All heavy atoms as atom14 arrays in JSON, in Angstrom:
{
  "sequence": "DQHGSFPLPPDFLNRRRLDPSAEYWLDERDGDLILHPRRPDARKIFI",
  "atom14_mask": [
    [1, 1, 1, 1, 1, 1, 1, 1, 0, 0, 0, 0, 0, 0],
    [1, 1, 1, 1, 1, 1, 1, 1, 1, 0, 0, 0, 0, 0],
    [1, 1, 1, 1, 1, 1, 1, 1, 1, 1, 0, 0, 0, 0],
    [1, 1, 1, 1, 0, 0, 0, 0, 0, 0, 0, 0, 0, 0],
    [1, 1, 1, 1, 1, 1, 0, 0, 0, 0, 0, 0, 0, 0],
    [1, 1, 1, 1, 1, 1, 1, 1, 1, 1, 1, 0, 0, 0],
    [1, 1, 1, 1, 1, 1, 1, 0, 0, 0, 0, 0, 0, 0],
    [1, 1, 1, 1, 1, 1, 1, 1, 0, 0, 0, 0, 0, 0],
    [1, 1, 1, 1, 1, 1, 1, 0, 0, 0, 0, 0, 0, 0],
    [1, 1, 1, 1, 1, 1, 1, 0, 0, 0, 0, 0, 0, 0],
    [1, 1, 1, 1, 1, 1, 1, 1, 0, 0, 0, 0, 0, 0],
    [1, 1, 1, 1, 1, 1, 1, 1, 1, 1, 1, 0, 0, 0],
    [1, 1, 1, 1, 1, 1, 1, 1, 0, 0, 0, 0, 0, 0],
    [1, 1, 1, 1, 1, 1, 1, 1, 0, 0, 0, 0, 0, 0],
    [1, 1, 1, 1, 1, 1, 1, 1, 1, 1, 1, 0, 0, 0],
    [1, 1, 1, 1, 1, 1, 1, 1, 1, 1, 1, 0, 0, 0],
    [1, 1, 1, 1, 1, 1, 1, 1, 1, 1, 1, 0, 0, 0],
    [1, 1, 1, 1, 1, 1, 1, 1, 0, 0, 0, 0, 0, 0],
    [1, 1, 1, 1, 1, 1, 1, 1, 0, 0, 0, 0, 0, 0],
    [1, 1, 1, 1, 1, 1, 1, 0, 0, 0, 0, 0, 0, 0],
    [1, 1, 1, 1, 1, 1, 0, 0, 0, 0, 0, 0, 0, 0],
    [1, 1, 1, 1, 1, 0, 0, 0, 0, 0, 0, 0, 0, 0],
    [1, 1, 1, 1, 1, 1, 1, 1, 1, 0, 0, 0, 0, 0],
    [1, 1, 1, 1, 1, 1, 1, 1, 1, 1, 1, 1, 0, 0],
    [1, 1, 1, 1, 1, 1, 1, 1, 1, 1, 1, 1, 1, 1],
    [1, 1, 1, 1, 1, 1, 1, 1, 0, 0, 0, 0, 0, 0],
    [1, 1, 1, 1, 1, 1, 1, 1, 0, 0, 0, 0, 0, 0],
    [1, 1, 1, 1, 1, 1, 1, 1, 1, 0, 0, 0, 0, 0],
    [1, 1, 1, 1, 1, 1, 1, 1, 1, 1, 1, 0, 0, 0],
    [1, 1, 1, 1, 1, 1, 1, 1, 0, 0, 0, 0, 0, 0],
    [1, 1, 1, 1, 0, 0, 0, 0, 0, 0, 0, 0, 0, 0],
    [1, 1, 1, 1, 1, 1, 1, 1, 0, 0, 0, 0, 0, 0],
    [1, 1, 1, 1, 1, 1, 1, 1, 0, 0, 0, 0, 0, 0],
    [1, 1, 1, 1, 1, 1, 1, 1, 0, 0, 0, 0, 0, 0],
    [1, 1, 1, 1, 1, 1, 1, 1, 0, 0, 0, 0, 0, 0],
    [1, 1, 1, 1, 1, 1, 1, 1, 1, 1, 0, 0, 0, 0],
    [1, 1, 1, 1, 1, 1, 1, 0, 0, 0, 0, 0, 0, 0],
    [1, 1, 1, 1, 1, 1, 1, 1, 1, 1, 1, 0, 0, 0],
    [1, 1, 1, 1, 1, 1, 1, 1, 1, 1, 1, 0, 0, 0],
    [1, 1, 1, 1, 1, 1, 1, 0, 0, 0, 0, 0, 0, 0],
    [1, 1, 1, 1, 1, 1, 1, 1, 0, 0, 0, 0, 0, 0],
    [1, 1, 1, 1, 1, 0, 0, 0, 0, 0, 0, 0, 0, 0],
    [1, 1, 1, 1, 1, 1, 1, 1, 1, 1, 1, 0, 0, 0],
    [1, 1, 1, 1, 1, 1, 1, 1, 1, 0, 0, 0, 0, 0],
    [1, 1, 1, 1, 1, 1, 1, 1, 0, 0, 0, 0, 0, 0],
    [1, 1, 1, 1, 1, 1, 1, 1, 1, 1, 1, 0, 0, 0],
    [1, 1, 1, 1, 1, 1, 1, 1, 0, 0, 0, 0, 0, 0]
  ],
  "atom14_positions": [
    [[0.84, -1.19, 0.0], [0.0, 0.0, 0.0], [0.87, 1.24, 0.0], [2.11, 1.16, -0.13], [-0.95, -0.03, 1.2], [-0.22, -0.05, 2.54], [0.98, 0.3, 2.57], [-0.84, -0.43, 3.55], [0.0, 0.0, 0.0], [0.0, 0.0, 0.0], [0.0, 0.0, 0.0], [0.0, 0.0, 0.0], [0.0, 0.0, 0.0], [0.0, 0.0, 0.0]],
    [[0.27, 2.4, 0.16], [1.02, 3.65, 0.07], [2.05, 3.81, 1.17], [2.97, 4.63, 1.06], [0.03, 4.83, 0.1], [-0.81, 4.88, 1.37], [-1.8, 6.02, 1.34], [-1.75, 6.89, 0.46], [-2.74, 6.04, 2.29], [0.0, 0.0, 0.0], [0.0, 0.0, 0.0], [0.0, 0.0, 0.0], [0.0, 0.0, 0.0], [0.0, 0.0, 0.0]],
    [[1.9, 3.02, 2.24], [2.86, 3.09, 3.34], [3.93, 2.01, 3.24], [4.78, 1.9, 4.13], [2.13, 2.95, 4.68], [1.05, 3.97, 4.89], [1.32, 5.32, 5.06], [-0.3, 3.83, 4.93], [0.18, 5.98, 5.21], [-0.82, 5.1, 5.14], [0.0, 0.0, 0.0], [0.0, 0.0, 0.0], [0.0, 0.0, 0.0], [0.0, 0.0, 0.0]],
    [[3.89, 1.22, 2.17], [4.86, 0.14, 2.01], [4.49, -1.13, 2.75], [5.3, -2.06, 2.83], [0.0, 0.0, 0.0], [0.0, 0.0, 0.0], [0.0, 0.0, 0.0], [0.0, 0.0, 0.0], [0.0, 0.0, 0.0], [0.0, 0.0, 0.0], [0.0, 0.0, 0.0], [0.0, 0.0, 0.0], [0.0, 0.0, 0.0], [0.0, 0.0, 0.0]],
    [[3.26, -1.21, 3.28], [2.82, -2.39, 4.0], [2.13, -3.37, 3.06], [1.57, -2.97, 2.03], [1.84, -2.0, 5.12], [2.46, -1.12, 6.04], [0.0, 0.0, 0.0], [0.0, 0.0, 0.0], [0.0, 0.0, 0.0], [0.0, 0.0, 0.0], [0.0, 0.0, 0.0], [0.0, 0.0, 0.0], [0.0, 0.0, 0.0], [0.0, 0.0, 0.0]],
    [[2.17, -4.65, 3.41], [1.51, -5.68, 2.63], [0.33, -6.23, 3.44], [0.51, -7.08, 4.31], [2.48, -6.83, 2.3], [3.49, -6.49, 1.26], [4.67, -5.85, 1.58], [3.26, -6.81, -0.08], [5.61, -5.53, 0.62], [4.19, -6.5, -1.06], [5.37, -5.86, -0.71], [0.0, 0.0, 0.0], [0.0, 0.0, 0.0], [0.0, 0.0, 0.0]],
    [[-0.87, -5.73, 3.21], [-2.03, -6.24, 3.96], [-2.36, -7.67, 3.54], [-2.42, -8.0, 2.36], [-3.16, -5.27, 3.57], [-2.74, -4.71, 2.25], [-1.24, -4.66, 2.27], [0.0, 0.0, 0.0], [0.0, 0.0, 0.0], [0.0, 0.0, 0.0], [0.0, 0.0, 0.0], [0.0, 0.0, 0.0], [0.0, 0.0, 0.0], [0.0, 0.0, 0.0]],
    [[-2.53, -8.54, 4.53], [-2.85, -9.94, 4.26], [-4.36, -10.13, 4.19], [-5.1, -9.55, 4.99], [-2.27, -10.84, 5.35], [-0.75, -10.81, 5.49], [-0.31, -11.67, 6.68], [-0.07, -11.3, 4.22], [0.0, 0.0, 0.0], [0.0, 0.0, 0.0], [0.0, 0.0, 0.0], [0.0, 0.0, 0.0], [0.0, 0.0, 0.0], [0.0, 0.0, 0.0]],
    [[-4.85, -10.93, 3.24], [-6.29, -11.15, 3.08], [-6.91, -11.75, 4.34], [-6.3, -12.61, 4.98], [-6.38, -12.13, 1.91], [-5.08, -12.0, 1.18], [-4.07, -11.65, 2.22], [0.0, 0.0, 0.0], [0.0, 0.0, 0.0], [0.0, 0.0, 0.0], [0.0, 0.0, 0.0], [0.0, 0.0, 0.0], [0.0, 0.0, 0.0], [0.0, 0.0, 0.0]],
    [[-8.1, -11.31, 4.73], [-8.75, -11.83, 5.94], [-8.92, -13.35, 5.93], [-8.77, -13.99, 6.98], [-10.1, -11.12, 5.96], [-9.87, -9.85, 5.18], [-8.89, -10.21, 4.12], [0.0, 0.0, 0.0], [0.0, 0.0, 0.0], [0.0, 0.0, 0.0], [0.0, 0.0, 0.0], [0.0, 0.0, 0.0], [0.0, 0.0, 0.0], [0.0, 0.0, 0.0]],
    [[-9.25, -13.94, 4.76], [-9.45, -15.38, 4.73], [-8.13, -16.12, 4.99], [-8.12, -17.2, 5.61], [-10.06, -15.83, 3.4], [-9.16, -15.51, 2.22], [-8.44, -14.5, 2.27], [-9.17, -16.3, 1.24], [0.0, 0.0, 0.0], [0.0, 0.0, 0.0], [0.0, 0.0, 0.0], [0.0, 0.0, 0.0], [0.0, 0.0, 0.0], [0.0, 0.0, 0.0]],
    [[-7.02, -15.52, 4.56], [-5.71, -16.12, 4.84], [-5.41, -16.05, 6.34], [-4.94, -17.04, 6.94], [-4.63, -15.4, 4.05], [-3.22, -15.87, 4.34], [-2.73, -17.01, 3.74], [-2.41, -15.18, 5.23], [-1.44, -17.47, 4.0], [-1.12, -15.63, 5.5], [-0.64, -16.77, 4.88], [0.0, 0.0, 0.0], [0.0, 0.0, 0.0], [0.0, 0.0, 0.0]],
    [[-5.7, -14.91, 6.96], [-5.47, -14.76, 8.39], [-6.3, -15.76, 9.18], [-5.82, -16.38, 10.14], [-5.82, -13.33, 8.83], [-4.91, -12.21, 8.31], [-5.49, -10.85, 8.69], [-3.51, -12.35, 8.87], [0.0, 0.0, 0.0], [0.0, 0.0, 0.0], [0.0, 0.0, 0.0], [0.0, 0.0, 0.0], [0.0, 0.0, 0.0], [0.0, 0.0, 0.0]],
    [[-7.56, -15.96, 8.77], [-8.43, -16.9, 9.47], [-7.97, -18.34, 9.28], [-7.95, -19.13, 10.23], [-9.87, -16.74, 8.98], [-10.48, -15.42, 9.39], [-10.09, -14.85, 10.41], [-11.43, -14.92, 8.61], [0.0, 0.0, 0.0], [0.0, 0.0, 0.0], [0.0, 0.0, 0.0], [0.0, 0.0, 0.0], [0.0, 0.0, 0.0], [0.0, 0.0, 0.0]],
    [[-7.59, -18.67, 8.06], [-7.18, -20.04, 7.75], [-5.92, -20.42, 8.51], [-5.77, -21.53, 9.0], [-6.99, -20.21, 6.24], [-6.77, -21.64, 5.8], [-6.82, -21.8, 4.29], [-5.76, -21.09, 3.61], [-5.92, -19.97, 2.93], [-7.13, -19.4, 2.85], [-4.91, -19.37, 2.33], [0.0, 0.0, 0.0], [0.0, 0.0, 0.0], [0.0, 0.0, 0.0]],
    [[-5.01, -19.47, 8.61], [-3.74, -19.72, 9.3], [-3.8, -19.35, 10.78], [-2.81, -19.49, 11.49], [-2.62, -18.89, 8.64], [-2.4, -19.2, 7.17], [-1.95, -20.62, 6.95], [-0.69, -20.88, 7.61], [-0.07, -22.05, 7.63], [-0.63, -23.08, 7.05], [1.08, -22.19, 8.25], [0.0, 0.0, 0.0], [0.0, 0.0, 0.0], [0.0, 0.0, 0.0]],
    [[-4.97, -18.91, 11.23], [-5.17, -18.53, 12.62], [-4.14, -17.49, 13.07], [-3.55, -17.59, 14.16], [-5.12, -19.76, 13.53], [-6.2, -20.78, 13.24], [-6.11, -21.98, 14.14], [-7.15, -22.95, 13.83], [-7.29, -24.12, 14.44], [-6.44, -24.46, 15.42], [-8.24, -24.95, 14.1], [0.0, 0.0, 0.0], [0.0, 0.0, 0.0], [0.0, 0.0, 0.0]],
    [[-3.93, -16.51, 12.22], [-2.98, -15.45, 12.52], [-3.71, -14.27, 13.15], [-4.71, -13.79, 12.62], [-2.26, -14.99, 11.25], [-1.43, -16.05, 10.52], [-0.82, -15.48, 9.26], [-0.34, -16.6, 11.44], [0.0, 0.0, 0.0], [0.0, 0.0, 0.0], [0.0, 0.0, 0.0], [0.0, 0.0, 0.0], [0.0, 0.0, 0.0], [0.0, 0.0, 0.0]],
    [[-3.22, -13.84, 14.27], [-3.82, -12.73, 14.99], [-3.22, -11.42, 14.46], [-2.02, -11.19, 14.58], [-3.52, -12.88, 16.48], [-4.17, -11.79, 17.32], [-4.78, -10.87, 16.74], [-4.05, -11.86, 18.56], [0.0, 0.0, 0.0], [0.0, 0.0, 0.0], [0.0, 0.0, 0.0], [0.0, 0.0, 0.0], [0.0, 0.0, 0.0], [0.0, 0.0, 0.0]],
    [[-4.05, -10.55, 13.86], [-3.52, -9.29, 13.32], [-2.84, -8.41, 14.37], [-2.0, -7.58, 14.04], [-4.76, -8.59, 12.74], [-5.76, -9.68, 12.55], [-5.49, -10.68, 13.62], [0.0, 0.0, 0.0], [0.0, 0.0, 0.0], [0.0, 0.0, 0.0], [0.0, 0.0, 0.0], [0.0, 0.0, 0.0], [0.0, 0.0, 0.0], [0.0, 0.0, 0.0]],
    [[-3.21, -8.6, 15.64], [-2.62, -7.77, 16.69], [-1.33, -8.37, 17.25], [-0.65, -7.73, 18.06], [-3.62, -7.58, 17.83], [-3.92, -8.82, 18.46], [0.0, 0.0, 0.0], [0.0, 0.0, 0.0], [0.0, 0.0, 0.0], [0.0, 0.0, 0.0], [0.0, 0.0, 0.0], [0.0, 0.0, 0.0], [0.0, 0.0, 0.0], [0.0, 0.0, 0.0]],
    [[-0.99, -9.61, 16.84], [0.21, -10.27, 17.37], [1.46, -9.79, 16.65], [1.4, -9.13, 15.61], [0.07, -11.78, 17.22], [0.0, 0.0, 0.0], [0.0, 0.0, 0.0], [0.0, 0.0, 0.0], [0.0, 0.0, 0.0], [0.0, 0.0, 0.0], [0.0, 0.0, 0.0], [0.0, 0.0, 0.0], [0.0, 0.0, 0.0], [0.0, 0.0, 0.0]],
    [[2.61, -10.15, 17.23], [3.9, -9.8, 16.63], [4.48, -11.0, 15.9], [4.25, -12.15, 16.28], [4.88, -9.34, 17.71], [4.47, -8.05, 18.41], [5.48, -7.64, 19.46], [6.02, -8.53, 20.15], [5.73, -6.43, 19.6], [0.0, 0.0, 0.0], [0.0, 0.0, 0.0], [0.0, 0.0, 0.0], [0.0, 0.0, 0.0], [0.0, 0.0, 0.0]],
    [[5.24, -10.71, 14.84], [5.85, -11.76, 14.04], [7.29, -11.39, 13.7], [7.61, -10.2, 13.55], [5.07, -11.99, 12.73], [3.65, -12.43, 12.95], [2.64, -11.5, 13.19], [3.31, -13.77, 12.96], [1.34, -11.89, 13.41], [2.01, -14.19, 13.18], [1.03, -13.25, 13.41], [-0.25, -13.65, 13.65], [0.0, 0.0, 0.0], [0.0, 0.0, 0.0]],
    [[8.13, -12.39, 13.6], [9.46, -12.2, 13.07], [9.42, -12.46, 11.55], [8.84, -13.44, 11.11], [10.47, -13.16, 13.7], [10.72, -12.94, 15.16], [10.38, -13.77, 16.19], [11.4, -11.83, 15.76], [10.78, -13.26, 17.39], [11.42, -12.06, 17.16], [11.98, -10.67, 15.26], [12.0, -11.18, 18.06], [12.56, -9.78, 16.16], [12.57, -10.04, 17.52]],
    [[10.02, -11.56, 10.78], [10.1, -11.74, 9.33], [11.47, -12.33, 8.99], [12.5, -11.79, 9.36], [9.92, -10.41, 8.6], [9.99, -10.44, 7.07], [8.89, -11.33, 6.5], [9.91, -9.02, 6.5], [0.0, 0.0, 0.0], [0.0, 0.0, 0.0], [0.0, 0.0, 0.0], [0.0, 0.0, 0.0], [0.0, 0.0, 0.0], [0.0, 0.0, 0.0]],
    [[11.46, -13.46, 8.29], [12.69, -14.19, 8.01], [12.75, -14.52, 6.53], [11.76, -14.43, 5.8], [12.72, -15.47, 8.86], [14.12, -16.08, 8.98], [15.09, -15.46, 8.47], [14.24, -17.16, 9.56], [0.0, 0.0, 0.0], [0.0, 0.0, 0.0], [0.0, 0.0, 0.0], [0.0, 0.0, 0.0], [0.0, 0.0, 0.0], [0.0, 0.0, 0.0]],
    [[13.92, -14.93, 6.08], [14.12, -15.37, 4.71], [14.79, -16.74, 4.71], [15.63, -17.03, 5.54], [15.02, -14.4, 3.94], [14.47, -13.01, 3.77], [15.42, -12.13, 2.98], [15.67, -12.44, 1.8], [15.95, -11.17, 3.56], [0.0, 0.0, 0.0], [0.0, 0.0, 0.0], [0.0, 0.0, 0.0], [0.0, 0.0, 0.0], [0.0, 0.0, 0.0]],
    [[14.39, -17.6, 3.77], [15.05, -18.89, 3.59], [14.95, -19.28, 2.12], [13.86, -19.43, 1.58], [14.42, -19.98, 4.45], [15.15, -21.33, 4.35], [14.37, -22.45, 5.04], [14.25, -22.18, 6.46], [13.15, -22.49, 7.16], [12.13, -23.05, 6.57], [13.11, -22.23, 8.45], [0.0, 0.0, 0.0], [0.0, 0.0, 0.0], [0.0, 0.0, 0.0]],
    [[16.1, -19.43, 1.49], [16.16, -19.83, 0.07], [15.31, -18.93, -0.81], [14.62, -19.38, -1.73], [15.71, -21.29, -0.1], [16.6, -22.26, 0.65], [17.79, -21.95, 0.84], [16.12, -23.33, 1.05], [0.0, 0.0, 0.0], [0.0, 0.0, 0.0], [0.0, 0.0, 0.0], [0.0, 0.0, 0.0], [0.0, 0.0, 0.0], [0.0, 0.0, 0.0]],
    [[15.32, -17.64, -0.53], [14.59, -16.68, -1.35], [13.14, -16.49, -0.96], [12.46, -15.62, -1.51], [0.0, 0.0, 0.0], [0.0, 0.0, 0.0], [0.0, 0.0, 0.0], [0.0, 0.0, 0.0], [0.0, 0.0, 0.0], [0.0, 0.0, 0.0], [0.0, 0.0, 0.0], [0.0, 0.0, 0.0], [0.0, 0.0, 0.0], [0.0, 0.0, 0.0]],
    [[12.63, -17.29, -0.02], [11.25, -17.16, 0.43], [11.18, -16.29, 1.69], [12.1, -16.26, 2.49], [10.65, -18.54, 0.75], [10.54, -19.42, -0.47], [10.34, -18.88, -1.57], [10.66, -20.65, -0.32], [0.0, 0.0, 0.0], [0.0, 0.0, 0.0], [0.0, 0.0, 0.0], [0.0, 0.0, 0.0], [0.0, 0.0, 0.0], [0.0, 0.0, 0.0]],
    [[10.06, -15.58, 1.83], [9.79, -14.82, 3.04], [9.0, -15.68, 4.01], [8.05, -16.37, 3.6], [9.02, -13.54, 2.71], [9.73, -12.52, 1.83], [8.83, -11.32, 1.56], [11.04, -12.06, 2.48], [0.0, 0.0, 0.0], [0.0, 0.0, 0.0], [0.0, 0.0, 0.0], [0.0, 0.0, 0.0], [0.0, 0.0, 0.0], [0.0, 0.0, 0.0]],
    [[9.38, -15.64, 5.27], [8.74, -16.49, 6.28], [8.31, -15.62, 7.45], [9.07, -14.77, 7.92], [9.71, -17.58, 6.78], [10.21, -18.44, 5.61], [9.04, -18.46, 7.83], [11.29, -19.39, 6.0], [0.0, 0.0, 0.0], [0.0, 0.0, 0.0], [0.0, 0.0, 0.0], [0.0, 0.0, 0.0], [0.0, 0.0, 0.0], [0.0, 0.0, 0.0]],
    [[7.07, -15.83, 7.91], [6.57, -15.17, 9.11], [6.62, -16.15, 10.27], [6.04, -17.24, 10.21], [5.13, -14.7, 8.91], [4.89, -13.44, 8.08], [3.39, -13.18, 7.99], [5.59, -12.25, 8.68], [0.0, 0.0, 0.0], [0.0, 0.0, 0.0], [0.0, 0.0, 0.0], [0.0, 0.0, 0.0], [0.0, 0.0, 0.0], [0.0, 0.0, 0.0]],
    [[7.33, -15.78, 11.33], [7.39, -16.6, 12.54], [6.54, -15.93, 13.61], [6.87, -14.83, 14.06], [8.83, -16.72, 13.06], [9.79, -17.33, 12.1], [9.64, -18.6, 11.59], [10.94, -16.85, 11.56], [10.64, -18.89, 10.79], [11.45, -17.83, 10.75], [0.0, 0.0, 0.0], [0.0, 0.0, 0.0], [0.0, 0.0, 0.0], [0.0, 0.0, 0.0]],
    [[5.45, -16.54, 14.02], [4.67, -15.93, 15.12], [5.51, -15.82, 16.39], [6.21, -16.75, 16.77], [3.51, -16.92, 15.32], [3.44, -17.71, 14.06], [4.85, -17.79, 13.54], [0.0, 0.0, 0.0], [0.0, 0.0, 0.0], [0.0, 0.0, 0.0], [0.0, 0.0, 0.0], [0.0, 0.0, 0.0], [0.0, 0.0, 0.0], [0.0, 0.0, 0.0]],
    [[5.43, -14.68, 17.02], [6.15, -14.46, 18.27], [5.16, -14.67, 19.41], [4.5, -13.73, 19.88], [6.72, -13.04, 18.3], [7.67, -12.77, 19.46], [8.25, -11.36, 19.38], [9.2, -11.14, 20.47], [8.85, -10.72, 21.69], [7.57, -10.46, 21.95], [9.76, -10.55, 22.63], [0.0, 0.0, 0.0], [0.0, 0.0, 0.0], [0.0, 0.0, 0.0]],
    [[5.04, -15.94, 19.86], [4.03, -16.25, 20.87], [4.57, -17.29, 21.85], [5.39, -18.14, 21.49], [2.74, -16.74, 20.21], [2.91, -17.95, 19.32], [1.64, -18.18, 18.51], [1.79, -19.31, 17.61], [1.05, -19.49, 16.51], [0.13, -18.6, 16.2], [1.23, -20.54, 15.75], [0.0, 0.0, 0.0], [0.0, 0.0, 0.0], [0.0, 0.0, 0.0]],
    [[4.06, -17.27, 23.07], [4.53, -18.21, 24.1], [3.8, -19.55, 23.98], [2.9, -19.86, 24.76], [4.17, -17.49, 25.4], [2.95, -16.69, 25.05], [3.12, -16.28, 23.62], [0.0, 0.0, 0.0], [0.0, 0.0, 0.0], [0.0, 0.0, 0.0], [0.0, 0.0, 0.0], [0.0, 0.0, 0.0], [0.0, 0.0, 0.0], [0.0, 0.0, 0.0]],
    [[4.2, -20.37, 23.02], [3.46, -21.6, 22.72], [4.21, -22.87, 23.13], [3.91, -23.95, 22.62], [3.1, -21.66, 21.23], [4.31, -21.52, 20.32], [5.42, -21.29, 20.83], [4.13, -21.62, 19.09], [0.0, 0.0, 0.0], [0.0, 0.0, 0.0], [0.0, 0.0, 0.0], [0.0, 0.0, 0.0], [0.0, 0.0, 0.0], [0.0, 0.0, 0.0]],
    [[5.17, -22.76, 24.04], [5.83, -23.97, 24.56], [4.8, -24.82, 25.31], [3.89, -24.29, 25.97], [6.98, -23.6, 25.48], [0.0, 0.0, 0.0], [0.0, 0.0, 0.0], [0.0, 0.0, 0.0], [0.0, 0.0, 0.0], [0.0, 0.0, 0.0], [0.0, 0.0, 0.0], [0.0, 0.0, 0.0], [0.0, 0.0, 0.0], [0.0, 0.0, 0.0]],
    [[4.95, -26.14, 25.2], [3.99, -27.05, 25.83], [4.63, -27.97, 26.89], [3.91, -28.61, 27.66], [3.31, -27.92, 24.77], [2.5, -27.14, 23.75], [1.62, -28.06, 22.94], [2.38, -29.01, 22.16], [2.76, -28.82, 20.9], [2.44, -27.68, 20.28], [3.45, -29.73, 20.25], [0.0, 0.0, 0.0], [0.0, 0.0, 0.0], [0.0, 0.0, 0.0]],
    [[5.95, -28.04, 26.9], [6.62, -29.01, 27.77], [7.98, -28.45, 28.17], [8.64, -27.78, 27.37], [6.79, -30.33, 27.02], [7.29, -31.51, 27.82], [7.25, -32.77, 26.94], [7.61, -34.02, 27.67], [7.52, -35.23, 26.8], [0.0, 0.0, 0.0], [0.0, 0.0, 0.0], [0.0, 0.0, 0.0], [0.0, 0.0, 0.0], [0.0, 0.0, 0.0]],
    [[8.39, -28.71, 29.4], [9.69, -28.22, 29.86], [10.44, -29.34, 30.58], [9.87, -30.07, 31.4], [9.54, -26.98, 30.77], [10.9, -26.41, 31.15], [8.71, -27.3, 32.01], [10.83, -25.03, 31.79], [0.0, 0.0, 0.0], [0.0, 0.0, 0.0], [0.0, 0.0, 0.0], [0.0, 0.0, 0.0], [0.0, 0.0, 0.0], [0.0, 0.0, 0.0]],
    [[11.71, -29.5, 30.23], [12.61, -30.43, 30.9], [13.5, -29.63, 31.83], [14.16, -28.68, 31.39], [13.48, -31.17, 29.87], [12.73, -32.11, 28.96], [12.01, -31.62, 27.88], [12.75, -33.48, 29.18], [11.31, -32.48, 27.03], [12.06, -34.35, 28.34], [11.34, -33.85, 27.26], [0.0, 0.0, 0.0], [0.0, 0.0, 0.0], [0.0, 0.0, 0.0]],
    [[13.52, -30.0, 33.1], [14.3, -29.25, 34.08], [15.39, -30.16, 34.66], [15.08, -31.22, 35.23], [13.41, -28.72, 35.22], [12.28, -27.85, 34.65], [14.24, -27.91, 36.21], [11.3, -27.36, 35.71], [0.0, 0.0, 0.0], [0.0, 0.0, 0.0], [0.0, 0.0, 0.0], [0.0, 0.0, 0.0], [0.0, 0.0, 0.0], [0.0, 0.0, 0.0]]
  ]
}
């Protein structure tokens, strides 16, 4: 858009369960762009 942002389609956000208010890390791998959700989703801990 005019601000240089890439708005994601609502159906894509719903399908991928992406929260528009959440934070993401933007990464690259082999020429592809990757979004990493920044969320506390650990399920198990070894102490």
